Amino acid sequence: MQLFIGNKNYSTWSLRAWYLMSKFNVIFTEKQLVLDTPEFYETLKNSFSVQKVPALVDGDLQVWDSLAICEYINDAYLSNAAWPTDSAQRAIARSLSAEMHSSFIALRNEMPMNIRATRNIDLSDAAKKDLARIDEIFSAQQTRYPNGWLFGQFSIADAMFAPVVLRLKTYQISLSALAQQYCDKVMACPILQRWINESMSETDIVASDEAGVDVININ
C-alpha cells in the first residue's frame, strides 16, 4: 500500500491521512512529492485522474481525498476503530470531521500550515469567526473528555483537526484554557512530533503558503 503525500511543512491534507494511518500502525509506503512542481503533477498523472495529495494506492484500488482515505482505512484495516463506538458520538465525530473538511475557508486562506515558521498575522473578521468556532469545538470536547482526544480515544476527527493545531502554533493564536488543553494534548503526541521533526528538515519553499511576518525574538 502506497500513500502519496506532499511537503510535510505545508500539506495539511497529506498530514490527515498520514497521521491516522501512522497512529493506528497501518503498514504503508510513503511516497513524498514536492508540491507545485512539474514532477508532482507528472507523477500523479500516471496513477490518478485528480492530481492532488494525499492519494492512496492499495492493490488495484485508488483512493484520493484525505477523509475518503481515512474512511477506507477505517473500514478495511481498523474494524471501525477510528470512530467512536457510541452511535451518537460517532455521528457528532463525523459531523465535526465533515465541518473541518468543508468549512473554515478564511482560516485556511489566511493561515496556511507552515510548521517551520513562527509568524505574526493580521486576520479578517471571517478568520476570527473561524477561530472562535475552533475554540468552541475544542472546549466543548474537552469538557466531555478532559485531557483526552476529541472523543476520548484518538479518531478520524483528531486527524482532521491536527493541521489546525499546528496553524495555531505557527501564528501564535491564543485560545481559551480548555481549547489550549486539547492543543497541548495533540502537540504531545509522538506520532505528530515525528511529522513535525521531519518537516523541519525540508528546505523547499511554497511561496503561496508563506503568510505573515516572521517573529523576531530579541533577548
N, C-alpha and C. Protein backbone atom coordinates (compact mmCIF):
# COMPACT_ATOMS: atom_id res chain seq x y z
N MET A 1 0.85 -1.19 0.00
CA MET A 1 0.00 0.00 0.00
C MET A 1 0.89 1.24 0.00
N GLN A 2 0.58 2.18 -0.88
CA GLN A 2 1.37 3.40 -1.01
C GLN A 2 0.50 4.62 -0.72
N LEU A 3 1.08 5.56 0.04
CA LEU A 3 0.41 6.83 0.31
C LEU A 3 1.26 7.95 -0.27
N PHE A 4 0.72 8.65 -1.25
CA PHE A 4 1.40 9.80 -1.84
C PHE A 4 1.05 11.04 -1.03
N ILE A 5 2.08 11.77 -0.61
CA ILE A 5 1.87 12.97 0.19
C ILE A 5 2.70 14.11 -0.39
N GLY A 6 2.43 15.33 0.09
CA GLY A 6 3.21 16.49 -0.29
C GLY A 6 4.21 16.86 0.80
N ASN A 7 4.71 18.08 0.71
CA ASN A 7 5.67 18.57 1.71
C ASN A 7 5.07 18.51 3.10
N LYS A 8 5.81 17.97 4.04
CA LYS A 8 5.29 17.86 5.40
C LYS A 8 5.15 19.23 6.08
N ASN A 9 5.92 20.19 5.63
CA ASN A 9 5.79 21.52 6.21
C ASN A 9 4.48 22.19 5.86
N TYR A 10 3.95 21.89 4.69
CA TYR A 10 2.80 22.64 4.18
C TYR A 10 1.51 21.83 3.99
N SER A 11 1.62 20.55 3.72
CA SER A 11 0.46 19.81 3.20
C SER A 11 -0.47 19.31 4.30
N THR A 12 -1.48 20.08 4.58
CA THR A 12 -2.44 19.73 5.64
C THR A 12 -3.21 18.47 5.32
N TRP A 13 -3.64 18.33 4.09
CA TRP A 13 -4.45 17.17 3.73
C TRP A 13 -3.61 15.90 3.79
N SER A 14 -2.36 15.99 3.38
CA SER A 14 -1.47 14.83 3.49
C SER A 14 -1.31 14.40 4.94
N LEU A 15 -1.14 15.37 5.82
CA LEU A 15 -0.96 15.07 7.23
C LEU A 15 -2.13 14.27 7.77
N ARG A 16 -3.34 14.62 7.40
CA ARG A 16 -4.52 13.96 7.96
C ARG A 16 -4.51 12.45 7.70
N ALA A 17 -4.28 12.07 6.45
CA ALA A 17 -4.27 10.65 6.11
C ALA A 17 -3.06 9.95 6.74
N TRP A 18 -1.89 10.58 6.63
CA TRP A 18 -0.67 10.00 7.19
C TRP A 18 -0.79 9.81 8.69
N TYR A 19 -1.35 10.79 9.37
CA TYR A 19 -1.47 10.76 10.83
C TYR A 19 -2.34 9.60 11.27
N LEU A 20 -3.50 9.45 10.64
CA LEU A 20 -4.40 8.36 11.01
C LEU A 20 -3.72 7.01 10.79
N MET A 21 -3.14 6.82 9.63
CA MET A 21 -2.53 5.54 9.31
C MET A 21 -1.34 5.24 10.23
N SER A 22 -0.56 6.25 10.53
CA SER A 22 0.60 6.05 11.40
C SER A 22 0.18 5.82 12.84
N LYS A 23 -0.83 6.53 13.28
CA LYS A 23 -1.30 6.39 14.66
C LYS A 23 -1.83 4.99 14.93
N PHE A 24 -2.46 4.39 13.92
CA PHE A 24 -3.02 3.06 14.08
C PHE A 24 -2.08 1.96 13.55
N ASN A 25 -0.84 2.33 13.29
CA ASN A 25 0.18 1.35 12.88
C ASN A 25 -0.20 0.59 11.62
N VAL A 26 -0.85 1.26 10.69
CA VAL A 26 -1.14 0.65 9.39
C VAL A 26 0.14 0.68 8.57
N ILE A 27 0.49 -0.44 7.97
CA ILE A 27 1.72 -0.53 7.21
C ILE A 27 1.51 0.05 5.81
N PHE A 28 2.35 1.02 5.45
CA PHE A 28 2.26 1.62 4.13
C PHE A 28 3.62 2.18 3.74
N THR A 29 3.78 2.38 2.45
CA THR A 29 4.99 3.01 1.92
C THR A 29 4.67 4.47 1.62
N GLU A 30 5.46 5.35 2.15
CA GLU A 30 5.26 6.78 1.97
C GLU A 30 5.96 7.25 0.70
N LYS A 31 5.22 7.91 -0.17
CA LYS A 31 5.77 8.47 -1.40
C LYS A 31 5.60 9.99 -1.34
N GLN A 32 6.68 10.68 -1.03
CA GLN A 32 6.58 12.13 -0.84
C GLN A 32 6.96 12.86 -2.13
N LEU A 33 6.14 13.85 -2.48
CA LEU A 33 6.35 14.67 -3.66
C LEU A 33 6.43 16.14 -3.24
N VAL A 34 7.17 16.92 -4.00
CA VAL A 34 7.27 18.35 -3.72
C VAL A 34 6.12 19.07 -4.39
N LEU A 35 5.34 19.80 -3.60
CA LEU A 35 4.16 20.49 -4.11
C LEU A 35 4.51 21.51 -5.19
N ASP A 36 3.57 21.69 -6.11
CA ASP A 36 3.65 22.74 -7.13
C ASP A 36 4.91 22.65 -8.00
N THR A 37 5.30 21.44 -8.35
CA THR A 37 6.42 21.24 -9.28
C THR A 37 5.94 20.38 -10.45
N PRO A 38 6.61 20.46 -11.60
CA PRO A 38 6.21 19.60 -12.73
C PRO A 38 6.25 18.12 -12.37
N GLU A 39 7.23 17.73 -11.56
CA GLU A 39 7.36 16.33 -11.17
C GLU A 39 6.17 15.86 -10.34
N PHE A 40 5.64 16.76 -9.52
CA PHE A 40 4.47 16.44 -8.69
C PHE A 40 3.30 16.02 -9.57
N TYR A 41 2.98 16.85 -10.54
CA TYR A 41 1.82 16.57 -11.40
C TYR A 41 2.09 15.40 -12.35
N GLU A 42 3.31 15.29 -12.82
CA GLU A 42 3.65 14.20 -13.73
C GLU A 42 3.54 12.85 -13.04
N THR A 43 4.03 12.76 -11.80
CA THR A 43 3.97 11.50 -11.05
C THR A 43 2.53 11.09 -10.79
N LEU A 44 1.71 12.04 -10.34
CA LEU A 44 0.32 11.71 -10.01
C LEU A 44 -0.50 11.43 -11.26
N LYS A 45 -0.15 12.07 -12.36
CA LYS A 45 -0.90 11.86 -13.61
C LYS A 45 -0.85 10.42 -14.06
N ASN A 46 0.23 9.75 -13.74
CA ASN A 46 0.39 8.35 -14.16
C ASN A 46 -0.52 7.39 -13.39
N SER A 47 -1.01 7.84 -12.22
CA SER A 47 -1.81 6.92 -11.39
C SER A 47 -3.20 7.43 -11.05
N PHE A 48 -3.40 8.76 -11.07
CA PHE A 48 -4.65 9.32 -10.59
C PHE A 48 -5.21 10.33 -11.59
N SER A 49 -6.52 10.34 -11.72
CA SER A 49 -7.15 11.33 -12.59
C SER A 49 -7.16 12.71 -11.94
N VAL A 50 -7.07 12.75 -10.61
CA VAL A 50 -7.00 14.01 -9.87
C VAL A 50 -5.59 14.15 -9.33
N GLN A 51 -4.90 15.20 -9.72
CA GLN A 51 -3.50 15.37 -9.33
C GLN A 51 -3.40 16.15 -8.01
N LYS A 52 -3.84 15.49 -6.95
CA LYS A 52 -3.80 16.09 -5.63
C LYS A 52 -3.34 15.05 -4.62
N VAL A 53 -2.82 15.52 -3.51
CA VAL A 53 -2.44 14.63 -2.41
C VAL A 53 -3.28 14.98 -1.19
N PRO A 54 -3.50 13.97 -0.31
CA PRO A 54 -2.97 12.62 -0.36
C PRO A 54 -3.70 11.76 -1.40
N ALA A 55 -3.01 10.72 -1.81
CA ALA A 55 -3.59 9.74 -2.73
C ALA A 55 -3.08 8.36 -2.31
N LEU A 56 -3.96 7.42 -2.25
CA LEU A 56 -3.64 6.09 -1.76
C LEU A 56 -3.79 5.06 -2.86
N VAL A 57 -2.81 4.16 -2.94
CA VAL A 57 -2.89 3.00 -3.83
C VAL A 57 -2.82 1.76 -2.97
N ASP A 58 -3.87 0.94 -3.02
CA ASP A 58 -3.90 -0.32 -2.27
C ASP A 58 -4.27 -1.42 -3.25
N GLY A 59 -3.26 -2.11 -3.77
CA GLY A 59 -3.52 -3.09 -4.82
C GLY A 59 -4.02 -2.40 -6.07
N ASP A 60 -5.20 -2.81 -6.53
CA ASP A 60 -5.80 -2.20 -7.72
C ASP A 60 -6.67 -0.99 -7.38
N LEU A 61 -6.82 -0.72 -6.10
CA LEU A 61 -7.70 0.37 -5.66
C LEU A 61 -6.94 1.68 -5.55
N GLN A 62 -7.54 2.75 -6.04
CA GLN A 62 -7.01 4.09 -5.87
C GLN A 62 -8.04 4.92 -5.09
N VAL A 63 -7.56 5.58 -4.05
CA VAL A 63 -8.44 6.44 -3.23
C VAL A 63 -7.77 7.79 -3.08
N TRP A 64 -8.51 8.86 -3.32
CA TRP A 64 -7.98 10.20 -3.12
C TRP A 64 -8.91 10.96 -2.20
N ASP A 65 -8.41 12.06 -1.68
CA ASP A 65 -9.09 12.88 -0.67
C ASP A 65 -8.83 12.31 0.73
N SER A 66 -8.42 13.18 1.63
CA SER A 66 -7.98 12.72 2.96
C SER A 66 -9.08 12.03 3.75
N LEU A 67 -10.29 12.59 3.73
CA LEU A 67 -11.36 11.98 4.51
C LEU A 67 -11.77 10.63 3.91
N ALA A 68 -11.79 10.55 2.60
CA ALA A 68 -12.11 9.28 1.94
C ALA A 68 -11.06 8.22 2.27
N ILE A 69 -9.80 8.62 2.31
CA ILE A 69 -8.74 7.67 2.66
C ILE A 69 -8.90 7.21 4.10
N CYS A 70 -9.17 8.15 4.99
CA CYS A 70 -9.36 7.77 6.40
C CYS A 70 -10.53 6.81 6.56
N GLU A 71 -11.62 7.07 5.85
CA GLU A 71 -12.78 6.18 5.93
C GLU A 71 -12.44 4.80 5.37
N TYR A 72 -11.71 4.76 4.28
CA TYR A 72 -11.33 3.47 3.69
C TYR A 72 -10.45 2.69 4.65
N ILE A 73 -9.45 3.34 5.21
CA ILE A 73 -8.55 2.66 6.14
C ILE A 73 -9.33 2.15 7.35
N ASN A 74 -10.25 2.95 7.84
CA ASN A 74 -11.07 2.53 8.98
C ASN A 74 -11.89 1.29 8.64
N ASP A 75 -12.48 1.28 7.47
CA ASP A 75 -13.31 0.14 7.06
C ASP A 75 -12.48 -1.11 6.76
N ALA A 76 -11.38 -0.92 6.04
CA ALA A 76 -10.64 -2.07 5.51
C ALA A 76 -9.61 -2.64 6.49
N TYR A 77 -9.09 -1.78 7.39
CA TYR A 77 -7.97 -2.23 8.21
C TYR A 77 -8.17 -2.08 9.71
N LEU A 78 -9.12 -1.29 10.13
CA LEU A 78 -9.22 -0.96 11.55
C LEU A 78 -10.49 -1.47 12.23
N SER A 79 -11.31 -2.19 11.50
CA SER A 79 -12.57 -2.72 12.07
C SER A 79 -13.36 -1.62 12.77
N ASN A 80 -13.39 -0.45 12.15
CA ASN A 80 -14.16 0.71 12.62
C ASN A 80 -13.63 1.32 13.91
N ALA A 81 -12.38 1.03 14.26
CA ALA A 81 -11.80 1.57 15.49
C ALA A 81 -11.50 3.06 15.41
N ALA A 82 -11.54 3.64 14.22
CA ALA A 82 -11.18 5.05 14.07
C ALA A 82 -12.35 6.00 14.26
N TRP A 83 -13.51 5.47 14.63
CA TRP A 83 -14.65 6.30 15.02
C TRP A 83 -15.10 5.88 16.42
N PRO A 84 -15.76 6.76 17.17
CA PRO A 84 -16.29 6.36 18.48
C PRO A 84 -17.25 5.18 18.34
N THR A 85 -17.28 4.33 19.35
CA THR A 85 -18.16 3.17 19.31
C THR A 85 -19.62 3.55 19.55
N ASP A 86 -19.86 4.57 20.36
CA ASP A 86 -21.22 5.03 20.63
C ASP A 86 -21.79 5.70 19.38
N SER A 87 -23.00 5.31 18.98
CA SER A 87 -23.57 5.80 17.72
C SER A 87 -23.79 7.31 17.72
N ALA A 88 -24.22 7.86 18.85
CA ALA A 88 -24.45 9.30 18.92
C ALA A 88 -23.13 10.06 18.81
N GLN A 89 -22.12 9.60 19.56
CA GLN A 89 -20.82 10.26 19.49
C GLN A 89 -20.17 10.08 18.12
N ARG A 90 -20.41 8.94 17.51
CA ARG A 90 -19.89 8.70 16.16
C ARG A 90 -20.50 9.68 15.17
N ALA A 91 -21.78 9.95 15.32
CA ALA A 91 -22.46 10.91 14.44
C ALA A 91 -21.87 12.31 14.62
N ILE A 92 -21.60 12.69 15.87
CA ILE A 92 -21.01 14.00 16.13
C ILE A 92 -19.59 14.06 15.57
N ALA A 93 -18.83 12.98 15.77
CA ALA A 93 -17.46 12.95 15.24
C ALA A 93 -17.45 13.09 13.72
N ARG A 94 -18.38 12.43 13.06
CA ARG A 94 -18.48 12.54 11.60
C ARG A 94 -18.90 13.95 11.20
N SER A 95 -19.80 14.55 11.97
CA SER A 95 -20.24 15.91 11.67
C SER A 95 -19.09 16.90 11.79
N LEU A 96 -18.31 16.77 12.86
CA LEU A 96 -17.18 17.68 13.04
C LEU A 96 -16.12 17.46 11.96
N SER A 97 -15.88 16.22 11.60
CA SER A 97 -14.90 15.94 10.55
C SER A 97 -15.34 16.52 9.21
N ALA A 98 -16.63 16.38 8.91
CA ALA A 98 -17.15 16.95 7.67
C ALA A 98 -17.11 18.47 7.71
N GLU A 99 -17.37 19.05 8.88
CA GLU A 99 -17.28 20.51 9.01
C GLU A 99 -15.85 20.98 8.75
N MET A 100 -14.88 20.26 9.30
CA MET A 100 -13.49 20.62 9.07
C MET A 100 -13.13 20.48 7.60
N HIS A 101 -13.69 19.47 6.98
CA HIS A 101 -13.39 19.17 5.58
C HIS A 101 -13.91 20.24 4.64
N SER A 102 -15.04 20.85 4.98
CA SER A 102 -15.73 21.72 4.02
C SER A 102 -15.78 23.18 4.43
N SER A 103 -15.40 23.50 5.66
CA SER A 103 -15.58 24.86 6.17
C SER A 103 -14.24 25.52 6.50
N PHE A 104 -14.29 26.59 7.29
CA PHE A 104 -13.10 27.31 7.76
C PHE A 104 -12.26 27.84 6.59
N ILE A 105 -12.94 28.37 5.59
CA ILE A 105 -12.25 28.82 4.38
C ILE A 105 -11.32 30.00 4.66
N ALA A 106 -11.79 30.96 5.47
CA ALA A 106 -10.95 32.12 5.77
C ALA A 106 -9.70 31.71 6.54
N LEU A 107 -9.88 30.82 7.49
CA LEU A 107 -8.74 30.33 8.26
C LEU A 107 -7.73 29.65 7.33
N ARG A 108 -8.22 28.81 6.44
CA ARG A 108 -7.32 28.11 5.52
C ARG A 108 -6.53 29.10 4.66
N ASN A 109 -7.25 30.09 4.12
CA ASN A 109 -6.61 31.02 3.19
C ASN A 109 -5.62 31.94 3.87
N GLU A 110 -5.96 32.38 5.07
CA GLU A 110 -5.13 33.38 5.74
C GLU A 110 -4.07 32.78 6.64
N MET A 111 -4.24 31.52 7.04
CA MET A 111 -3.31 30.86 7.94
C MET A 111 -2.86 29.52 7.36
N PRO A 112 -2.16 29.52 6.24
CA PRO A 112 -1.70 28.24 5.68
C PRO A 112 -0.76 27.54 6.66
N MET A 113 -0.81 26.21 6.67
CA MET A 113 0.10 25.47 7.54
C MET A 113 1.54 25.70 7.10
N ASN A 114 2.38 26.04 8.07
CA ASN A 114 3.78 26.31 7.80
C ASN A 114 4.53 25.99 9.09
N ILE A 115 4.81 24.72 9.30
CA ILE A 115 5.30 24.24 10.59
C ILE A 115 6.62 24.87 10.98
N ARG A 116 7.49 25.13 10.01
CA ARG A 116 8.82 25.66 10.32
C ARG A 116 8.79 27.10 10.81
N ALA A 117 7.71 27.80 10.54
CA ALA A 117 7.67 29.24 10.79
C ALA A 117 7.03 29.59 12.13
N THR A 118 7.35 30.79 12.61
CA THR A 118 6.62 31.45 13.69
C THR A 118 6.29 32.85 13.19
N ARG A 119 5.02 33.15 13.04
CA ARG A 119 4.62 34.36 12.33
C ARG A 119 3.59 35.18 13.10
N ASN A 120 3.60 36.49 12.81
CA ASN A 120 2.51 37.38 13.18
C ASN A 120 1.65 37.60 11.95
N ILE A 121 0.35 37.72 12.16
CA ILE A 121 -0.54 37.88 11.02
C ILE A 121 -1.76 38.70 11.43
N ASP A 122 -2.24 39.55 10.51
CA ASP A 122 -3.48 40.29 10.72
C ASP A 122 -4.61 39.50 10.09
N LEU A 123 -5.60 39.16 10.89
CA LEU A 123 -6.68 38.30 10.43
C LEU A 123 -7.96 39.08 10.15
N SER A 124 -8.70 38.63 9.17
CA SER A 124 -10.00 39.21 8.86
C SER A 124 -11.03 38.79 9.91
N ASP A 125 -12.16 39.46 9.90
CA ASP A 125 -13.24 39.08 10.81
C ASP A 125 -13.72 37.66 10.52
N ALA A 126 -13.70 37.28 9.26
CA ALA A 126 -14.13 35.92 8.90
C ALA A 126 -13.19 34.88 9.50
N ALA A 127 -11.89 35.14 9.46
CA ALA A 127 -10.93 34.20 10.05
C ALA A 127 -11.09 34.15 11.57
N LYS A 128 -11.33 35.29 12.18
CA LYS A 128 -11.54 35.33 13.63
C LYS A 128 -12.81 34.55 14.01
N LYS A 129 -13.81 34.61 13.15
CA LYS A 129 -15.03 33.82 13.39
C LYS A 129 -14.72 32.33 13.30
N ASP A 130 -13.91 31.94 12.32
CA ASP A 130 -13.49 30.54 12.21
C ASP A 130 -12.74 30.10 13.46
N LEU A 131 -11.85 30.95 13.96
CA LEU A 131 -11.08 30.61 15.16
C LEU A 131 -11.98 30.47 16.38
N ALA A 132 -13.00 31.30 16.45
CA ALA A 132 -13.95 31.20 17.57
C ALA A 132 -14.67 29.86 17.53
N ARG A 133 -15.00 29.40 16.34
CA ARG A 133 -15.67 28.11 16.19
C ARG A 133 -14.72 26.97 16.56
N ILE A 134 -13.46 27.07 16.17
CA ILE A 134 -12.46 26.07 16.57
C ILE A 134 -12.36 26.01 18.08
N ASP A 135 -12.28 27.15 18.72
CA ASP A 135 -12.20 27.21 20.18
C ASP A 135 -13.43 26.55 20.81
N GLU A 136 -14.59 26.82 20.23
CA GLU A 136 -15.84 26.25 20.74
C GLU A 136 -15.81 24.72 20.66
N ILE A 137 -15.35 24.19 19.52
CA ILE A 137 -15.29 22.74 19.33
C ILE A 137 -14.33 22.11 20.32
N PHE A 138 -13.12 22.63 20.39
CA PHE A 138 -12.11 22.05 21.28
C PHE A 138 -12.55 22.13 22.73
N SER A 139 -13.11 23.27 23.12
CA SER A 139 -13.53 23.44 24.52
C SER A 139 -14.67 22.50 24.89
N ALA A 140 -15.63 22.38 23.99
CA ALA A 140 -16.78 21.51 24.26
C ALA A 140 -16.35 20.06 24.42
N GLN A 141 -15.43 19.61 23.56
CA GLN A 141 -14.99 18.22 23.64
C GLN A 141 -14.08 17.98 24.84
N GLN A 142 -13.33 18.98 25.24
CA GLN A 142 -12.51 18.83 26.44
C GLN A 142 -13.38 18.79 27.70
N THR A 143 -14.51 19.46 27.66
CA THR A 143 -15.45 19.38 28.78
C THR A 143 -15.99 17.96 28.92
N ARG A 144 -16.25 17.31 27.78
CA ARG A 144 -16.77 15.94 27.79
C ARG A 144 -15.67 14.92 28.07
N TYR A 145 -14.47 15.19 27.53
CA TYR A 145 -13.36 14.23 27.65
C TYR A 145 -12.11 14.97 28.14
N PRO A 146 -12.05 15.30 29.43
CA PRO A 146 -10.93 16.11 29.95
C PRO A 146 -9.58 15.49 29.67
N ASN A 147 -8.68 16.33 29.14
CA ASN A 147 -7.30 15.92 28.85
C ASN A 147 -7.22 14.76 27.86
N GLY A 148 -8.27 14.56 27.09
CA GLY A 148 -8.30 13.46 26.12
C GLY A 148 -8.36 13.97 24.70
N TRP A 149 -8.48 13.02 23.77
CA TRP A 149 -8.73 13.36 22.38
C TRP A 149 -10.15 13.89 22.24
N LEU A 150 -10.53 14.30 21.05
CA LEU A 150 -11.84 14.94 20.89
C LEU A 150 -12.97 14.05 21.37
N PHE A 151 -12.83 12.74 21.21
CA PHE A 151 -13.85 11.80 21.66
C PHE A 151 -13.28 10.75 22.60
N GLY A 152 -12.33 11.19 23.41
CA GLY A 152 -11.73 10.32 24.40
C GLY A 152 -10.57 9.52 23.84
N GLN A 153 -10.85 8.68 22.85
CA GLN A 153 -9.83 7.92 22.14
C GLN A 153 -9.56 8.58 20.78
N PHE A 154 -8.34 8.43 20.31
CA PHE A 154 -7.97 9.02 19.02
C PHE A 154 -8.91 8.53 17.93
N SER A 155 -9.34 9.46 17.07
CA SER A 155 -10.27 9.11 16.00
C SER A 155 -9.94 9.92 14.74
N ILE A 156 -10.69 9.66 13.70
CA ILE A 156 -10.55 10.41 12.46
C ILE A 156 -10.72 11.90 12.72
N ALA A 157 -11.60 12.25 13.66
CA ALA A 157 -11.82 13.66 13.96
C ALA A 157 -10.52 14.34 14.41
N ASP A 158 -9.73 13.66 15.21
CA ASP A 158 -8.46 14.23 15.65
C ASP A 158 -7.49 14.40 14.47
N ALA A 159 -7.47 13.44 13.57
CA ALA A 159 -6.62 13.57 12.39
C ALA A 159 -7.05 14.75 11.54
N MET A 160 -8.35 14.98 11.44
CA MET A 160 -8.85 16.08 10.63
C MET A 160 -8.48 17.44 11.22
N PHE A 161 -8.45 17.54 12.54
CA PHE A 161 -8.19 18.84 13.17
C PHE A 161 -6.72 19.08 13.50
N ALA A 162 -5.87 18.07 13.34
CA ALA A 162 -4.45 18.23 13.69
C ALA A 162 -3.77 19.39 12.96
N PRO A 163 -4.00 19.59 11.65
CA PRO A 163 -3.34 20.71 10.99
C PRO A 163 -3.74 22.07 11.56
N VAL A 164 -4.96 22.16 12.08
CA VAL A 164 -5.39 23.42 12.69
C VAL A 164 -4.56 23.72 13.93
N VAL A 165 -4.31 22.69 14.72
CA VAL A 165 -3.49 22.86 15.91
C VAL A 165 -2.11 23.39 15.53
N LEU A 166 -1.54 22.87 14.47
CA LEU A 166 -0.23 23.33 14.02
C LEU A 166 -0.28 24.76 13.51
N ARG A 167 -1.36 25.12 12.84
CA ARG A 167 -1.53 26.51 12.41
C ARG A 167 -1.59 27.45 13.61
N LEU A 168 -2.32 27.06 14.62
CA LEU A 168 -2.46 27.91 15.81
C LEU A 168 -1.11 28.21 16.44
N LYS A 169 -0.23 27.21 16.43
CA LYS A 169 1.12 27.41 16.98
C LYS A 169 1.93 28.35 16.09
N THR A 170 1.89 28.14 14.78
CA THR A 170 2.67 28.98 13.86
C THR A 170 2.32 30.45 14.01
N TYR A 171 1.01 30.74 14.10
CA TYR A 171 0.56 32.13 14.12
C TYR A 171 0.26 32.64 15.53
N GLN A 172 0.68 31.88 16.53
CA GLN A 172 0.62 32.30 17.94
C GLN A 172 -0.78 32.75 18.35
N ILE A 173 -1.76 31.91 18.04
CA ILE A 173 -3.15 32.24 18.34
C ILE A 173 -3.48 31.82 19.78
N SER A 174 -4.04 32.75 20.54
CA SER A 174 -4.43 32.47 21.92
C SER A 174 -5.84 31.88 21.94
N LEU A 175 -6.00 30.82 22.72
CA LEU A 175 -7.28 30.15 22.87
C LEU A 175 -7.70 30.17 24.32
N SER A 176 -8.94 29.74 24.56
CA SER A 176 -9.38 29.55 25.93
C SER A 176 -8.59 28.42 26.56
N ALA A 177 -8.63 28.35 27.89
CA ALA A 177 -7.83 27.35 28.61
C ALA A 177 -8.19 25.93 28.19
N LEU A 178 -9.48 25.65 28.03
CA LEU A 178 -9.89 24.30 27.64
C LEU A 178 -9.44 23.95 26.23
N ALA A 179 -9.59 24.90 25.31
CA ALA A 179 -9.15 24.65 23.93
C ALA A 179 -7.65 24.45 23.87
N GLN A 180 -6.91 25.23 24.62
CA GLN A 180 -5.45 25.07 24.65
C GLN A 180 -5.07 23.73 25.24
N GLN A 181 -5.86 23.25 26.17
CA GLN A 181 -5.62 21.93 26.77
C GLN A 181 -5.63 20.84 25.70
N TYR A 182 -6.58 20.95 24.77
CA TYR A 182 -6.63 19.97 23.67
C TYR A 182 -5.42 20.14 22.76
N CYS A 183 -5.06 21.37 22.44
CA CYS A 183 -3.89 21.61 21.59
C CYS A 183 -2.64 21.01 22.20
N ASP A 184 -2.49 21.16 23.50
CA ASP A 184 -1.32 20.60 24.18
C ASP A 184 -1.31 19.08 24.08
N LYS A 185 -2.50 18.48 24.16
CA LYS A 185 -2.62 17.02 24.01
C LYS A 185 -2.13 16.59 22.62
N VAL A 186 -2.58 17.30 21.61
CA VAL A 186 -2.20 16.97 20.25
C VAL A 186 -0.69 17.15 20.04
N MET A 187 -0.17 18.26 20.49
CA MET A 187 1.25 18.55 20.27
C MET A 187 2.17 17.58 20.99
N ALA A 188 1.69 16.96 22.05
CA ALA A 188 2.50 16.00 22.81
C ALA A 188 2.53 14.62 22.17
N CYS A 189 1.75 14.38 21.14
CA CYS A 189 1.67 13.06 20.51
C CYS A 189 2.98 12.73 19.79
N PRO A 190 3.61 11.61 20.11
CA PRO A 190 4.89 11.25 19.46
C PRO A 190 4.77 11.08 17.95
N ILE A 191 3.62 10.60 17.48
CA ILE A 191 3.45 10.41 16.04
C ILE A 191 3.43 11.76 15.33
N LEU A 192 2.70 12.71 15.89
CA LEU A 192 2.67 14.04 15.29
C LEU A 192 4.05 14.70 15.38
N GLN A 193 4.74 14.49 16.48
CA GLN A 193 6.07 15.05 16.62
C GLN A 193 7.02 14.49 15.55
N ARG A 194 6.80 13.25 15.15
CA ARG A 194 7.62 12.67 14.09
C ARG A 194 7.42 13.43 12.79
N TRP A 195 6.16 13.72 12.46
CA TRP A 195 5.86 14.51 11.25
C TRP A 195 6.51 15.89 11.37
N ILE A 196 6.37 16.53 12.53
CA ILE A 196 6.94 17.87 12.74
C ILE A 196 8.45 17.84 12.55
N ASN A 197 9.11 16.88 13.17
CA ASN A 197 10.56 16.79 13.07
C ASN A 197 11.01 16.60 11.63
N GLU A 198 10.29 15.78 10.90
CA GLU A 198 10.65 15.54 9.50
C GLU A 198 10.39 16.78 8.65
N SER A 199 9.38 17.56 9.01
CA SER A 199 9.11 18.79 8.26
C SER A 199 10.24 19.80 8.44
N MET A 200 10.88 19.77 9.58
CA MET A 200 11.94 20.73 9.88
C MET A 200 13.16 20.53 8.99
N SER A 201 13.34 19.34 8.45
CA SER A 201 14.49 19.07 7.61
C SER A 201 14.24 19.43 6.15
N GLU A 202 13.02 19.79 5.81
CA GLU A 202 12.71 20.17 4.44
C GLU A 202 13.23 21.57 4.14
N THR A 203 13.57 21.80 2.89
CA THR A 203 14.08 23.12 2.50
C THR A 203 13.27 23.77 1.38
N ASP A 204 12.34 23.03 0.78
CA ASP A 204 11.54 23.60 -0.30
C ASP A 204 10.63 24.70 0.22
N ILE A 205 10.42 25.73 -0.59
CA ILE A 205 9.55 26.84 -0.26
C ILE A 205 8.36 26.86 -1.21
N VAL A 206 7.16 26.90 -0.64
CA VAL A 206 5.95 27.10 -1.44
C VAL A 206 5.48 28.52 -1.12
N ALA A 207 5.75 29.43 -2.04
CA ALA A 207 5.56 30.86 -1.78
C ALA A 207 4.13 31.20 -1.37
N SER A 208 3.16 30.52 -1.96
CA SER A 208 1.76 30.83 -1.67
C SER A 208 1.36 30.48 -0.24
N ASP A 209 2.17 29.67 0.42
CA ASP A 209 1.87 29.28 1.80
C ASP A 209 2.76 30.00 2.82
N GLU A 210 3.44 31.03 2.37
CA GLU A 210 4.30 31.80 3.27
C GLU A 210 3.59 33.09 3.67
N ALA A 211 2.65 32.96 4.60
CA ALA A 211 1.85 34.11 5.04
C ALA A 211 2.43 34.70 6.32
N GLY A 212 2.12 35.98 6.56
CA GLY A 212 2.50 36.62 7.81
C GLY A 212 3.92 37.15 7.82
N VAL A 213 4.32 37.68 8.99
CA VAL A 213 5.63 38.29 9.18
C VAL A 213 6.37 37.50 10.24
N ASP A 214 7.62 37.19 9.98
CA ASP A 214 8.43 36.42 10.93
C ASP A 214 8.51 37.13 12.27
N VAL A 215 8.41 36.33 13.32
CA VAL A 215 8.59 36.84 14.68
C VAL A 215 10.09 36.87 14.97
N ILE A 216 10.55 38.01 15.43
CA ILE A 216 11.96 38.16 15.78
C ILE A 216 12.08 38.23 17.29
N ASN A 217 12.78 37.28 17.86
CA ASN A 217 12.99 37.27 19.32
C ASN A 217 14.20 38.11 19.67
N ILE A 218 14.01 39.07 20.55
CA ILE A 218 15.09 39.94 20.99
C ILE A 218 15.37 39.65 22.46
N ASN A 219 16.55 39.14 22.75
CA ASN A 219 16.94 38.81 24.13
C ASN A 219 17.55 40.03 24.82
